[in-house]
Every structure is written in structure tokens, then in C-alpha cells.
Amino acid sequence: MNRPFVVGIGGTAGGPSSTERALSIAMAAVAARGVDTLILGGEFLGRLPIFVPKAQRTPEERELVDAVRRADGLLIASPGYHGCVSGMVKNALDLLEETAKDSRVYLSGMPVGLVVTAYGWQATGGTLSALRSVVHALRGWPTPMAAAINSSISRFREDGSCEDTAASGQLSLVGDQVADFLLTPRKSA
């Protein structure tokens, strides 16, 4: 039996960010459960061209789409820019239009954990709501728990850990819920 596979998408274009560090903590919780993981972070996302329907795909675009096609679960992390999902993260999610005619359309039946970081609470709420809407539109199943991290309070260290144990706990719980969905046997209807 193959081990489940979860892809993490998120970050910012300027190097290690609180968003990417938060994603890494949540993904570590997934990996600790025996699930294979792949993070497509800010540096990778920054190389994606703006999504154009029916365009010839770059190697990076194909890599992202192929990874999501293979994935059993997903974690998405976005900074809250002006109360909404960053353009870079939204661009990556728009690229999933490539899966519209697959046997598994978009994120159908897939657990999706959500992580938002912002410098203040207002932007975390709006961004989280927008991410949930996008995941629903893509037919995914957002986990009950999502992590909204106020980076003005919850600081990340250079080693990637978070000084705020409550925030670290939220991030781990999001990862655990994605893993739980994948590892818990389902009853047939």
C-alpha cells in the first residue's frame, strides 16, 4: 500500500517568511504521521508566470499541477495582504484549472488544511474566509481547524520554530487533521 502524499503550497517571494515557516510547522505534523510531503514554497511560487488559460505550461507550472494530481491532501498557506489571499498563492491555485477535466476534478474529496499569517487579526479573518471559499469552489474539504497567525504577536525564529506555543499548536492541529482524514478508514455508504 502506498503512503498518502500531501502537498504544501504557500509562502512569499522574499525568502523565508512567517507564512512559509508556519506552513513548514503544519507540514511537519503531517510528516510525523507517516505521510509523504512536498512543500512548494515562496521561491517556487515566485517562478510561476501569471495564469493564462490554455497557454503552454512552463516546467514549474507542470510540476505544481502534477504534484497536486498525485496528492491525497493539501495544505495552503497565504499571507494576508490587504485582507485577502496573496496574488502569488491565488495564481498557483488558479493553475489548478488544468485539472478541470481530470477524473478527479480539481480538489474533489481532498482534505485541505489552511494557514494564514498577517500582521494583525483583521487581515487573518478576511484571508481565511477567502481561502475557504476558493477551496470550496475547487471542491476540496477544508479541515475544521484552520490556523490564523497574527505575526505581530506570534514571532518565528530563524530556525523556523514559533515562539508562541498556542500558534504552534494550531499549526500542528491543522496538519494532524489533514493526516487524520487520510489515515482514518472510511465506512462505505
C-alpha atoms as a PDB file:
ATOM      1  CA  MET A   1       0.000   0.000   0.000  1.00  0.00           C
ATOM      2  CA  ASN A   2       1.331   3.452  -0.934  1.00  0.00           C
ATOM      3  CA  ARG A   3       1.754   6.052   1.754  1.00  0.00           C
ATOM      4  CA  PRO A   4      -0.508   9.090   1.454  1.00  0.00           C
ATOM      5  CA  PHE A   5       1.030  12.198  -0.101  1.00  0.00           C
ATOM      6  CA  VAL A   6       0.348  15.812   0.939  1.00  0.00           C
ATOM      7  CA  VAL A   7       1.482  18.924  -0.913  1.00  0.00           C
ATOM      8  CA  GLY A   8       2.023  22.232   0.880  1.00  0.00           C
ATOM      9  CA  ILE A   9       1.639  25.393  -1.178  1.00  0.00           C
ATOM     10  CA  GLY A  10       2.469  28.843   0.150  1.00  0.00           C
ATOM     11  CA  GLY A  11       4.886  31.471   1.232  1.00  0.00           C
ATOM     12  CA  THR A  12       6.079  34.816  -0.027  1.00  0.00           C
ATOM     13  CA  ALA A  13       8.590  35.849  -2.651  1.00  0.00           C
ATOM     14  CA  GLY A  14      11.111  37.437  -0.296  1.00  0.00           C
ATOM     15  CA  GLY A  15      12.832  34.467   1.288  1.00  0.00           C
ATOM     16  CA  PRO A  16      11.825  32.611   4.430  1.00  0.00           C
ATOM     17  CA  SER A  17       8.652  34.278   5.683  1.00  0.00           C
ATOM     18  CA  SER A  18       6.341  33.745   8.619  1.00  0.00           C
ATOM     19  CA  THR A  19       3.894  32.178   6.149  1.00  0.00           C
ATOM     20  CA  GLU A  20       6.373  29.623   4.893  1.00  0.00           C
ATOM     21  CA  ARG A  21       7.615  28.897   8.418  1.00  0.00           C
ATOM     22  CA  ALA A  22       4.016  28.346   9.544  1.00  0.00           C
ATOM     23  CA  LEU A  23       3.421  26.028   6.578  1.00  0.00           C
ATOM     24  CA  SER A  24       6.557  24.068   7.480  1.00  0.00           C
ATOM     25  CA  ILE A  25       5.335  23.531  11.063  1.00  0.00           C
ATOM     26  CA  ALA A  26       1.951  22.248   9.836  1.00  0.00           C
ATOM     27  CA  MET A  27       3.624  20.029   7.231  1.00  0.00           C
ATOM     28  CA  ALA A  28       5.983  18.619   9.877  1.00  0.00           C
ATOM     29  CA  ALA A  29       2.906  17.445  11.793  1.00  0.00           C
ATOM     30  CA  VAL A  30       1.679  15.687   8.634  1.00  0.00           C
ATOM     31  CA  ALA A  31       5.074  14.058   8.033  1.00  0.00           C
ATOM     32  CA  ALA A  32       5.275  12.919  11.667  1.00  0.00           C
ATOM     33  CA  ARG A  33       2.201  10.787  10.986  1.00  0.00           C
ATOM     34  CA  GLY A  34       3.990   8.805   8.261  1.00  0.00           C
ATOM     35  CA  VAL A  35       2.645  10.799   5.322  1.00  0.00           C
ATOM     36  CA  ASP A  36       4.922  11.774   2.433  1.00  0.00           C
ATOM     37  CA  THR A  37       5.120  15.541   1.924  1.00  0.00           C
ATOM     38  CA  LEU A  38       6.303  18.144  -0.559  1.00  0.00           C
ATOM     39  CA  ILE A  39       6.418  21.904   0.038  1.00  0.00           C
ATOM     40  CA  LEU A  40       6.185  24.261  -2.909  1.00  0.00           C
ATOM     41  CA  GLY A  41       7.163  27.456  -1.121  1.00  0.00           C
ATOM     42  CA  GLY A  42       7.547  31.106  -1.942  1.00  0.00           C
ATOM     43  CA  GLU A  43      10.682  30.780  -4.045  1.00  0.00           C
ATOM     44  CA  PHE A  44       8.971  28.149  -6.231  1.00  0.00           C
ATOM     45  CA  LEU A  45       5.671  30.056  -6.460  1.00  0.00           C
ATOM     46  CA  GLY A  46       7.529  33.220  -7.425  1.00  0.00           C
ATOM     47  CA  ARG A  47       8.771  31.479 -10.586  1.00  0.00           C
ATOM     48  CA  LEU A  48       5.247  30.722 -11.818  1.00  0.00           C
ATOM     49  CA  PRO A  49       4.048  33.010 -14.610  1.00  0.00           C
ATOM     50  CA  ILE A  50       0.654  34.670 -14.281  1.00  0.00           C
ATOM     51  CA  PHE A  51      -2.011  32.069 -15.062  1.00  0.00           C
ATOM     52  CA  VAL A  52      -3.305  32.302 -18.618  1.00  0.00           C
ATOM     53  CA  PRO A  53      -5.935  29.717 -19.622  1.00  0.00           C
ATOM     54  CA  LYS A  54      -4.899  27.418 -22.481  1.00  0.00           C
ATOM     55  CA  ALA A  55      -1.306  28.726 -22.508  1.00  0.00           C
ATOM     56  CA  GLN A  56       1.682  26.438 -22.993  1.00  0.00           C
ATOM     57  CA  ARG A  57       2.740  25.420 -19.458  1.00  0.00           C
ATOM     58  CA  THR A  58       6.207  26.014 -18.057  1.00  0.00           C
ATOM     59  CA  PRO A  59       8.098  23.207 -16.287  1.00  0.00           C
ATOM     60  CA  GLU A  60       7.245  24.835 -12.915  1.00  0.00           C
ATOM     61  CA  GLU A  61       3.550  25.000 -13.760  1.00  0.00           C
ATOM     62  CA  ARG A  62       3.574  21.343 -14.791  1.00  0.00           C
ATOM     63  CA  GLU A  63       5.427  20.434 -11.588  1.00  0.00           C
ATOM     64  CA  LEU A  64       2.775  22.100  -9.413  1.00  0.00           C
ATOM     65  CA  VAL A  65      -0.160  20.588 -11.309  1.00  0.00           C
ATOM     66  CA  ASP A  66       1.421  17.124 -11.381  1.00  0.00           C
ATOM     67  CA  ALA A  67       2.133  17.283  -7.636  1.00  0.00           C
ATOM     68  CA  VAL A  68      -1.482  18.208  -6.871  1.00  0.00           C
ATOM     69  CA  ARG A  69      -2.725  15.478  -9.199  1.00  0.00           C
ATOM     70  CA  ARG A  70      -0.682  12.923  -7.204  1.00  0.00           C
ATOM     71  CA  ALA A  71      -1.650  14.408  -3.842  1.00  0.00           C
ATOM     72  CA  ASP A  72      -4.100  12.897  -1.405  1.00  0.00           C
ATOM     73  CA  GLY A  73      -4.233  16.087   0.659  1.00  0.00           C
ATOM     74  CA  LEU A  74      -3.180  19.701   0.515  1.00  0.00           C
ATOM     75  CA  LEU A  75      -2.045  22.449   2.868  1.00  0.00           C
ATOM     76  CA  ILE A  76      -2.323  26.034   1.646  1.00  0.00           C
ATOM     77  CA  ALA A  77      -0.630  28.931   3.432  1.00  0.00           C
ATOM     78  CA  SER A  78      -1.089  32.550   2.442  1.00  0.00           C
ATOM     79  CA  PRO A  79      -0.052  35.860   3.874  1.00  0.00           C
ATOM     80  CA  GLY A  80      -2.992  38.175   4.415  1.00  0.00           C
ATOM     81  CA  TYR A  81      -2.309  41.053   2.073  1.00  0.00           C
ATOM     82  CA  HIS A  82      -4.917  43.790   2.474  1.00  0.00           C
ATOM     83  CA  GLY A  83      -7.368  41.293   3.943  1.00  0.00           C
ATOM     84  CA  CYS A  84      -7.133  38.710   1.174  1.00  0.00           C
ATOM     85  CA  VAL A  85      -5.083  35.877  -0.330  1.00  0.00           C
ATOM     86  CA  SER A  86      -1.769  36.944  -1.841  1.00  0.00           C
ATOM     87  CA  GLY A  87      -1.641  37.153  -5.613  1.00  0.00           C
ATOM     88  CA  MET A  88       1.182  34.622  -5.725  1.00  0.00           C
ATOM     89  CA  VAL A  89      -0.807  31.969  -3.821  1.00  0.00           C
ATOM     90  CA  LYS A  90      -4.004  32.710  -5.760  1.00  0.00           C
ATOM     91  CA  ASN A  91      -2.068  32.416  -9.036  1.00  0.00           C
ATOM     92  CA  ALA A  92      -0.906  28.924  -8.010  1.00  0.00           C
ATOM     93  CA  LEU A  93      -4.467  27.924  -7.129  1.00  0.00           C
ATOM     94  CA  ASP A  94      -5.773  29.336 -10.433  1.00  0.00           C
ATOM     95  CA  LEU A  95      -3.388  26.969 -12.202  1.00  0.00           C
ATOM     96  CA  LEU A  96      -5.436  24.050 -10.833  1.00  0.00           C
ATOM     97  CA  GLU A  97      -7.882  24.839 -13.633  1.00  0.00           C
ATOM     98  CA  GLU A  98      -5.626  22.416 -15.538  1.00  0.00           C
ATOM     99  CA  THR A  99      -7.319  19.601 -13.575  1.00  0.00           C
ATOM    100  CA  ALA A 100     -10.881  20.565 -14.616  1.00  0.00           C
ATOM    101  CA  LYS A 101     -11.190  17.579 -16.962  1.00  0.00           C
ATOM    102  CA  ASP A 102      -9.297  15.049 -14.838  1.00  0.00           C
ATOM    103  CA  SER A 103     -11.055  12.007 -13.388  1.00  0.00           C
ATOM    104  CA  ARG A 104     -10.670  13.758 -10.015  1.00  0.00           C
ATOM    105  CA  VAL A 105     -11.789  17.277 -10.846  1.00  0.00           C
ATOM    106  CA  TYR A 106      -9.841  19.999  -9.022  1.00  0.00           C
ATOM    107  CA  LEU A 107      -9.562  19.007  -5.327  1.00  0.00           C
ATOM    108  CA  SER A 108     -12.634  16.754  -5.209  1.00  0.00           C
ATOM    109  CA  GLY A 109     -12.777  14.817  -1.947  1.00  0.00           C
ATOM    110  CA  MET A 110      -9.389  16.082  -0.812  1.00  0.00           C
ATOM    111  CA  PRO A 111      -8.731  17.356   2.725  1.00  0.00           C
ATOM    112  CA  VAL A 112      -7.234  20.850   2.635  1.00  0.00           C
ATOM    113  CA  GLY A 113      -5.639  22.486   5.657  1.00  0.00           C
ATOM    114  CA  LEU A 114      -5.481  26.278   5.671  1.00  0.00           C
ATOM    115  CA  VAL A 115      -2.911  28.589   7.250  1.00  0.00           C
ATOM    116  CA  VAL A 116      -2.950  32.385   7.173  1.00  0.00           C
ATOM    117  CA  THR A 117      -0.383  34.794   8.565  1.00  0.00           C
ATOM    118  CA  ALA A 118      -0.830  38.541   8.743  1.00  0.00           C
ATOM    119  CA  TYR A 119       0.388  41.476  10.781  1.00  0.00           C
ATOM    120  CA  GLY A 120      -2.925  41.881  12.629  1.00  0.00           C
ATOM    121  CA  TRP A 121      -6.145  39.975  13.221  1.00  0.00           C
ATOM    122  CA  GLN A 122      -8.375  41.699  10.676  1.00  0.00           C
ATOM    123  CA  ALA A 123      -6.374  40.503   7.680  1.00  0.00           C
ATOM    124  CA  THR A 124      -6.216  36.923   9.003  1.00  0.00           C
ATOM    125  CA  GLY A 125     -10.007  36.641   9.121  1.00  0.00           C
ATOM    126  CA  GLY A 126     -10.664  38.011   5.643  1.00  0.00           C
ATOM    127  CA  THR A 127      -7.892  35.931   4.116  1.00  0.00           C
ATOM    128  CA  LEU A 128      -9.032  32.744   5.814  1.00  0.00           C
ATOM    129  CA  SER A 129     -12.590  33.303   4.612  1.00  0.00           C
ATOM    130  CA  ALA A 130     -11.356  33.874   1.056  1.00  0.00           C
ATOM    131  CA  LEU A 131      -9.199  30.731   1.147  1.00  0.00           C
ATOM    132  CA  ARG A 132     -12.130  28.642   2.374  1.00  0.00           C
ATOM    133  CA  SER A 133     -14.247  29.985  -0.497  1.00  0.00           C
ATOM    134  CA  VAL A 134     -11.566  29.121  -3.056  1.00  0.00           C
ATOM    135  CA  VAL A 135     -11.177  25.589  -1.653  1.00  0.00           C
ATOM    136  CA  HIS A 136     -14.946  25.072  -1.724  1.00  0.00           C
ATOM    137  CA  ALA A 137     -15.035  26.309  -5.347  1.00  0.00           C
ATOM    138  CA  LEU A 138     -12.323  23.754  -6.116  1.00  0.00           C
ATOM    139  CA  ARG A 139     -14.462  21.037  -4.451  1.00  0.00           C
ATOM    140  CA  GLY A 140     -11.985  20.470  -1.626  1.00  0.00           C
ATOM    141  CA  TRP A 141     -12.771  19.753   2.016  1.00  0.00           C
ATOM    142  CA  PRO A 142     -11.279  22.429   4.300  1.00  0.00           C
ATOM    143  CA  THR A 143     -10.339  20.942   7.654  1.00  0.00           C
ATOM    144  CA  PRO A 144     -12.454  22.063  10.625  1.00  0.00           C
ATOM    145  CA  MET A 145      -9.412  23.770  12.147  1.00  0.00           C
ATOM    146  CA  ALA A 146      -7.522  26.465  10.285  1.00  0.00           C
ATOM    147  CA  ALA A 147      -4.614  28.439  11.677  1.00  0.00           C
ATOM    148  CA  ALA A 148      -4.845  32.228  11.716  1.00  0.00           C
ATOM    149  CA  ILE A 149      -1.485  33.522  12.916  1.00  0.00           C
ATOM    150  CA  ASN A 150      -1.064  37.170  13.893  1.00  0.00           C
ATOM    151  CA  SER A 151       2.619  37.711  13.136  1.00  0.00           C
ATOM    152  CA  SER A 152       2.701  40.902  15.200  1.00  0.00           C
ATOM    153  CA  ILE A 153       2.238  38.637  18.245  1.00  0.00           C
ATOM    154  CA  SER A 154       3.441  35.190  17.147  1.00  0.00           C
ATOM    155  CA  ARG A 155       7.078  35.528  16.140  1.00  0.00           C
ATOM    156  CA  PHE A 156       9.031  32.895  14.229  1.00  0.00           C
ATOM    157  CA  ARG A 157      12.667  32.174  14.999  1.00  0.00           C
ATOM    158  CA  GLU A 158      15.421  31.831  12.403  1.00  0.00           C
ATOM    159  CA  ASP A 159      15.303  28.031  12.832  1.00  0.00           C
ATOM    160  CA  GLY A 160      11.652  28.087  11.696  1.00  0.00           C
ATOM    161  CA  SER A 161      10.087  27.411  15.086  1.00  0.00           C
ATOM    162  CA  CYS A 162       7.430  29.661  16.570  1.00  0.00           C
ATOM    163  CA  GLU A 163       7.845  31.382  19.930  1.00  0.00           C
ATOM    164  CA  ASP A 164       4.087  31.191  20.542  1.00  0.00           C
ATOM    165  CA  THR A 165       3.152  27.689  21.725  1.00  0.00           C
ATOM    166  CA  ALA A 166      -0.553  28.312  21.066  1.00  0.00           C
ATOM    167  CA  ALA A 167       0.180  29.220  17.442  1.00  0.00           C
ATOM    168  CA  SER A 168       2.447  26.173  17.055  1.00  0.00           C
ATOM    169  CA  GLY A 169      -0.353  24.034  18.468  1.00  0.00           C
ATOM    170  CA  GLN A 170      -2.842  25.447  15.944  1.00  0.00           C
ATOM    171  CA  LEU A 171      -0.461  24.751  13.071  1.00  0.00           C
ATOM    172  CA  SER A 172       0.177  21.194  14.242  1.00  0.00           C
ATOM    173  CA  LEU A 173      -3.548  20.582  14.654  1.00  0.00           C
ATOM    174  CA  VAL A 174      -4.212  21.675  11.057  1.00  0.00           C
ATOM    175  CA  GLY A 175      -1.566  19.199   9.871  1.00  0.00           C
ATOM    176  CA  ASP A 176      -2.939  16.476  12.130  1.00  0.00           C
ATOM    177  CA  GLN A 177      -6.467  16.964  10.772  1.00  0.00           C
ATOM    178  CA  VAL A 178      -5.272  16.529   7.187  1.00  0.00           C
ATOM    179  CA  ALA A 179      -3.393  13.374   8.236  1.00  0.00           C
ATOM    180  CA  ASP A 180      -6.403  12.100  10.230  1.00  0.00           C
ATOM    181  CA  PHE A 181      -8.627  12.441   7.176  1.00  0.00           C
ATOM    182  CA  LEU A 182      -6.150  10.407   5.108  1.00  0.00           C
ATOM    183  CA  LEU A 183      -5.279   7.768   7.691  1.00  0.00           C
ATOM    184  CA  THR A 184      -8.694   7.045   9.210  1.00  0.00           C
ATOM    185  CA  PRO A 185     -10.514   4.181   7.475  1.00  0.00           C
ATOM    186  CA  ARG A 186     -13.823   5.298   5.938  1.00  0.00           C
ATOM    187  CA  LYS A 187     -17.020   3.280   6.052  1.00  0.00           C
ATOM    188  CA  SER A 188     -18.661   2.530   2.718  1.00  0.00           C
ATOM    189  CA  ALA A 189     -22.081   4.060   2.207  1.00  0.00           C
END
